[in-house]
N, C-alpha and C. Protein backbone atom coordinates (compact mmCIF):
# COMPACT_ATOMS: atom_id res chain seq x y z
N UNK A 1 183.03 82.33 105.64
CA UNK A 1 182.22 82.06 106.69
C UNK A 1 183.10 81.59 107.97
N UNK A 2 182.99 82.18 109.14
CA UNK A 2 183.66 81.67 110.20
C UNK A 2 182.88 80.74 111.08
N UNK A 3 183.45 80.09 111.99
CA UNK A 3 182.78 79.28 113.11
C UNK A 3 182.57 77.81 112.54
N UNK A 4 181.61 77.09 113.07
CA UNK A 4 181.51 75.77 112.82
C UNK A 4 180.72 75.52 111.53
N UNK A 5 181.17 74.71 110.57
CA UNK A 5 180.51 74.37 109.29
C UNK A 5 179.69 73.31 109.25
N UNK A 6 179.53 72.44 110.34
CA UNK A 6 178.74 71.20 110.35
C UNK A 6 177.31 71.50 110.99
N UNK A 7 176.43 70.80 110.52
CA UNK A 7 175.03 70.85 110.86
C UNK A 7 174.90 70.37 112.34
N UNK A 8 173.93 70.91 113.05
CA UNK A 8 173.55 70.32 114.40
C UNK A 8 172.07 69.98 114.34
N UNK A 9 171.78 68.86 114.57
CA UNK A 9 170.39 68.38 114.62
C UNK A 9 170.09 67.71 115.91
N UNK A 10 169.11 68.19 116.57
CA UNK A 10 168.65 67.61 117.89
C UNK A 10 167.19 67.34 117.88
N UNK A 11 166.88 66.01 117.90
CA UNK A 11 165.57 65.54 117.81
C UNK A 11 164.80 65.74 119.07
N UNK A 12 163.38 65.78 119.15
CA UNK A 12 162.74 66.00 120.41
C UNK A 12 163.10 64.98 121.27
N UNK A 13 163.34 65.29 122.57
CA UNK A 13 163.80 64.46 123.73
C UNK A 13 165.20 64.25 123.75
N UNK A 14 166.01 64.94 122.86
CA UNK A 14 167.48 64.74 122.94
C UNK A 14 167.89 66.01 123.58
N UNK A 15 169.35 66.03 123.74
CA UNK A 15 170.00 67.30 124.16
C UNK A 15 170.17 67.04 125.76
N UNK A 16 171.18 67.71 126.20
CA UNK A 16 171.57 67.62 127.56
C UNK A 16 170.59 68.34 128.50
N UNK A 17 169.91 67.56 129.46
CA UNK A 17 168.88 68.27 130.28
C UNK A 17 169.45 68.39 131.71
N UNK A 18 169.19 69.63 132.22
CA UNK A 18 169.67 69.76 133.77
C UNK A 18 168.52 70.46 134.53
N UNK A 19 168.41 70.19 135.78
CA UNK A 19 167.45 70.93 136.65
C UNK A 19 168.17 72.00 137.43
N UNK A 20 167.67 73.17 137.29
CA UNK A 20 168.27 74.44 137.83
C UNK A 20 167.11 75.20 138.34
N UNK A 21 167.14 75.53 139.67
CA UNK A 21 166.16 76.34 140.38
C UNK A 21 164.78 75.83 140.20
N UNK A 22 164.77 74.49 140.08
CA UNK A 22 163.50 73.88 139.93
C UNK A 22 162.91 73.82 138.43
N UNK A 23 163.63 74.25 137.53
CA UNK A 23 163.29 74.40 136.08
C UNK A 23 164.10 73.59 135.21
N UNK A 24 163.58 72.95 134.14
CA UNK A 24 164.24 71.98 133.29
C UNK A 24 164.87 72.79 132.07
N UNK A 25 166.23 72.70 132.00
CA UNK A 25 166.91 73.31 130.89
C UNK A 25 167.59 72.38 129.98
N UNK A 26 167.12 72.40 128.73
CA UNK A 26 167.70 71.35 127.86
C UNK A 26 168.48 72.22 126.64
N UNK A 27 169.86 71.83 126.65
CA UNK A 27 170.79 72.53 125.70
C UNK A 27 170.73 71.91 124.47
N UNK A 28 170.08 72.63 123.38
CA UNK A 28 169.91 72.28 122.14
C UNK A 28 171.40 72.50 121.27
N UNK A 29 171.87 73.59 121.58
CA UNK A 29 173.11 74.04 120.86
C UNK A 29 174.03 74.83 121.86
N UNK A 30 175.22 74.56 121.98
CA UNK A 30 176.16 75.29 122.87
C UNK A 30 177.32 75.91 121.96
N UNK A 31 178.06 76.76 122.55
CA UNK A 31 179.04 77.47 121.81
C UNK A 31 179.91 76.73 120.92
N UNK A 32 180.34 75.55 121.48
CA UNK A 32 181.10 74.56 120.50
C UNK A 32 180.39 74.11 119.32
N UNK A 33 179.16 74.00 119.40
CA UNK A 33 178.37 73.54 118.22
C UNK A 33 178.16 74.66 117.20
N UNK A 34 178.19 75.99 117.66
CA UNK A 34 178.02 77.08 116.70
C UNK A 34 179.11 78.04 116.41
N UNK A 35 180.32 77.34 116.81
CA UNK A 35 181.61 78.31 116.51
C UNK A 35 181.55 79.45 117.42
N UNK A 36 180.88 79.31 118.50
CA UNK A 36 180.81 80.53 119.54
C UNK A 36 179.84 81.61 119.25
N UNK A 37 179.10 81.36 118.16
CA UNK A 37 178.09 82.35 117.61
C UNK A 37 176.93 82.53 118.59
N UNK A 38 176.57 81.47 119.17
CA UNK A 38 175.27 81.48 120.09
C UNK A 38 175.11 80.19 120.79
N UNK A 39 174.19 80.09 121.64
CA UNK A 39 173.73 78.90 122.41
C UNK A 39 172.35 78.83 122.31
N UNK A 40 171.59 77.76 122.41
CA UNK A 40 170.09 77.69 122.30
C UNK A 40 169.75 76.73 123.44
N UNK A 41 168.86 77.27 124.22
CA UNK A 41 168.44 76.40 125.44
C UNK A 41 166.80 76.33 125.51
N UNK A 42 166.14 75.24 125.67
CA UNK A 42 164.78 75.13 126.00
C UNK A 42 164.63 75.04 127.38
N UNK A 43 163.75 75.92 127.95
CA UNK A 43 163.50 75.90 129.33
C UNK A 43 162.11 75.69 129.66
N UNK A 44 161.82 74.84 130.52
CA UNK A 44 160.34 74.57 130.98
C UNK A 44 160.25 75.05 132.38
N UNK A 45 159.59 76.19 132.55
CA UNK A 45 159.53 76.81 133.86
C UNK A 45 158.33 76.15 134.60
N UNK A 46 158.53 75.85 135.87
CA UNK A 46 157.61 75.30 136.75
C UNK A 46 156.56 76.37 137.33
N UNK A 47 155.40 76.15 137.62
CA UNK A 47 154.47 77.14 138.39
C UNK A 47 155.25 77.82 139.55
N UNK A 48 155.00 79.00 139.72
CA UNK A 48 155.73 79.90 140.72
C UNK A 48 157.30 79.76 140.62
N UNK A 49 157.78 79.60 139.49
CA UNK A 49 159.20 79.68 139.08
C UNK A 49 159.59 81.18 139.19
N UNK A 50 160.98 81.45 139.69
CA UNK A 50 161.32 82.70 139.60
C UNK A 50 162.95 82.68 139.45
N UNK A 51 163.47 83.59 138.49
CA UNK A 51 164.78 83.85 138.32
C UNK A 51 164.95 85.18 138.71
N UNK A 52 165.89 85.34 139.75
CA UNK A 52 166.09 86.71 140.26
C UNK A 52 166.78 87.70 139.28
N UNK A 53 166.65 88.84 139.41
CA UNK A 53 167.27 89.88 138.54
C UNK A 53 168.76 89.64 138.39
N UNK A 54 169.31 89.81 137.10
CA UNK A 54 170.67 89.50 136.92
C UNK A 54 170.81 90.09 135.48
N UNK A 55 172.09 90.00 135.00
CA UNK A 55 172.40 90.52 133.57
C UNK A 55 173.55 89.67 133.01
N UNK A 56 173.64 89.43 131.75
CA UNK A 56 174.79 88.88 131.03
C UNK A 56 175.80 89.88 130.74
N UNK A 57 177.09 89.62 131.00
CA UNK A 57 178.20 90.52 130.71
C UNK A 57 178.69 90.46 129.31
N UNK A 58 178.58 89.19 128.67
CA UNK A 58 179.23 88.95 127.44
C UNK A 58 178.28 88.72 126.30
N UNK A 59 177.11 88.32 126.55
CA UNK A 59 176.19 87.86 125.38
C UNK A 59 174.85 88.51 125.63
N UNK A 60 174.26 88.78 124.42
CA UNK A 60 172.79 88.92 124.44
C UNK A 60 171.98 87.79 124.85
N UNK A 61 170.81 87.82 125.25
CA UNK A 61 169.76 86.76 125.70
C UNK A 61 168.50 87.06 124.94
N UNK A 62 167.86 86.04 124.41
CA UNK A 62 166.54 86.11 123.94
C UNK A 62 165.69 84.92 124.28
N UNK A 63 164.31 85.31 124.52
CA UNK A 63 163.44 84.33 124.89
C UNK A 63 162.20 84.43 123.98
N UNK A 64 161.63 83.30 123.75
CA UNK A 64 160.36 83.09 122.92
C UNK A 64 159.44 82.24 123.71
N UNK A 65 158.16 82.84 124.09
CA UNK A 65 157.35 82.25 124.94
C UNK A 65 156.40 81.23 124.08
N UNK A 66 156.46 80.00 124.33
CA UNK A 66 155.68 79.00 123.64
C UNK A 66 154.41 78.72 124.34
N UNK A 67 154.29 78.86 125.54
CA UNK A 67 153.01 78.53 126.29
C UNK A 67 153.10 79.14 127.66
N UNK A 68 151.98 79.49 128.31
CA UNK A 68 151.92 80.04 129.69
C UNK A 68 152.21 81.57 129.68
N UNK A 69 152.32 82.16 130.80
CA UNK A 69 152.67 83.53 130.89
C UNK A 69 153.85 83.60 131.77
N UNK A 70 154.75 84.66 131.32
CA UNK A 70 156.07 84.92 132.18
C UNK A 70 156.02 86.48 132.32
N UNK A 71 156.18 86.72 133.68
CA UNK A 71 156.31 88.27 134.00
C UNK A 71 157.78 88.49 133.97
N UNK A 72 158.18 89.54 133.32
CA UNK A 72 159.46 89.99 133.24
C UNK A 72 159.65 91.44 133.87
N UNK A 73 160.79 91.50 134.64
CA UNK A 73 161.20 92.86 135.18
C UNK A 73 162.45 93.25 134.39
N UNK A 74 162.19 94.17 133.45
CA UNK A 74 163.37 94.64 132.75
C UNK A 74 163.75 95.93 133.18
N UNK A 75 164.96 96.03 133.87
CA UNK A 75 165.28 97.36 134.53
C UNK A 75 164.12 97.81 135.40
N UNK A 76 163.45 98.92 135.04
CA UNK A 76 162.35 99.33 135.92
C UNK A 76 161.10 99.07 135.26
N UNK A 77 160.93 98.39 134.14
CA UNK A 77 159.75 98.08 133.28
C UNK A 77 159.34 96.68 133.63
N UNK A 78 158.03 96.49 133.83
CA UNK A 78 157.46 95.08 134.00
C UNK A 78 156.53 94.89 132.89
N UNK A 79 156.72 93.66 132.19
CA UNK A 79 155.87 93.20 131.04
C UNK A 79 155.40 91.79 131.44
N UNK A 80 154.21 91.48 130.96
CA UNK A 80 153.72 90.08 130.81
C UNK A 80 153.68 89.56 129.49
N UNK A 81 154.60 88.47 129.33
CA UNK A 81 154.82 87.89 128.17
C UNK A 81 153.87 86.62 127.86
N UNK A 82 153.07 86.62 126.91
CA UNK A 82 152.15 85.46 126.53
C UNK A 82 152.70 84.80 125.42
N UNK A 83 152.11 83.55 124.98
CA UNK A 83 152.62 82.76 123.96
C UNK A 83 152.69 83.64 122.62
N UNK A 84 153.85 83.51 121.92
CA UNK A 84 154.15 84.25 120.76
C UNK A 84 154.87 85.58 121.03
N UNK A 85 155.38 85.81 122.30
CA UNK A 85 156.02 87.04 122.66
C UNK A 85 157.57 86.59 122.48
N UNK A 86 158.28 87.57 121.79
CA UNK A 86 159.82 87.60 121.76
C UNK A 86 160.37 88.60 122.56
N UNK A 87 161.32 88.24 123.42
CA UNK A 87 161.99 89.25 124.37
C UNK A 87 163.51 89.19 124.01
N UNK A 88 164.08 90.28 123.56
CA UNK A 88 165.53 90.35 123.47
C UNK A 88 166.16 91.13 124.52
N UNK A 89 167.20 90.49 125.12
CA UNK A 89 167.78 91.28 126.33
C UNK A 89 169.26 91.49 126.08
N UNK A 90 169.59 92.70 125.63
CA UNK A 90 170.90 92.95 125.32
C UNK A 90 171.78 92.83 126.49
N UNK A 91 173.10 92.42 126.39
CA UNK A 91 174.09 92.34 127.41
C UNK A 91 174.15 93.61 128.30
N UNK A 92 174.20 93.43 129.60
CA UNK A 92 174.18 94.43 130.53
C UNK A 92 172.89 94.93 130.92
N UNK A 93 171.78 94.46 130.40
CA UNK A 93 170.45 94.93 130.86
C UNK A 93 169.95 93.99 132.07
N UNK A 94 169.55 94.56 133.12
CA UNK A 94 169.14 93.72 134.31
C UNK A 94 167.72 93.20 133.84
N UNK A 95 167.47 91.96 134.24
CA UNK A 95 166.26 91.29 133.88
C UNK A 95 166.09 90.13 134.85
N UNK A 96 164.83 89.85 135.29
CA UNK A 96 164.54 88.73 135.97
C UNK A 96 162.99 88.36 135.67
N UNK A 97 162.56 87.21 135.85
CA UNK A 97 161.25 86.76 135.43
C UNK A 97 160.66 85.74 136.43
N UNK A 98 159.29 85.69 136.20
CA UNK A 98 158.72 84.65 137.03
C UNK A 98 157.39 84.24 136.41
N UNK A 99 156.98 82.89 136.72
CA UNK A 99 155.69 82.52 136.31
C UNK A 99 154.69 82.55 137.38
N UNK A 100 153.30 82.42 136.94
CA UNK A 100 152.32 82.74 137.95
C UNK A 100 151.95 81.43 138.60
């Protein structure tokens, strides 16, 4: 098995939190924690929040909606994600999202 062999445990309220575009991003695991396999971030989106269309060049991205609704623009497709929705965004796919 490659990568990091130690466990990472982040209790509620822990992790490095940053404010970006008005939203709170808490990094629960970063590449150095996972041997470069993935990173995991909890994001609390504010009402009327918007992330403009963009794409990742090197990594896939995944979102899981815990509460509220998020409207995604995936290339030319628009979807509304509700709690329980999983969205996988392969690298190179244009995507943006906003809250109501």
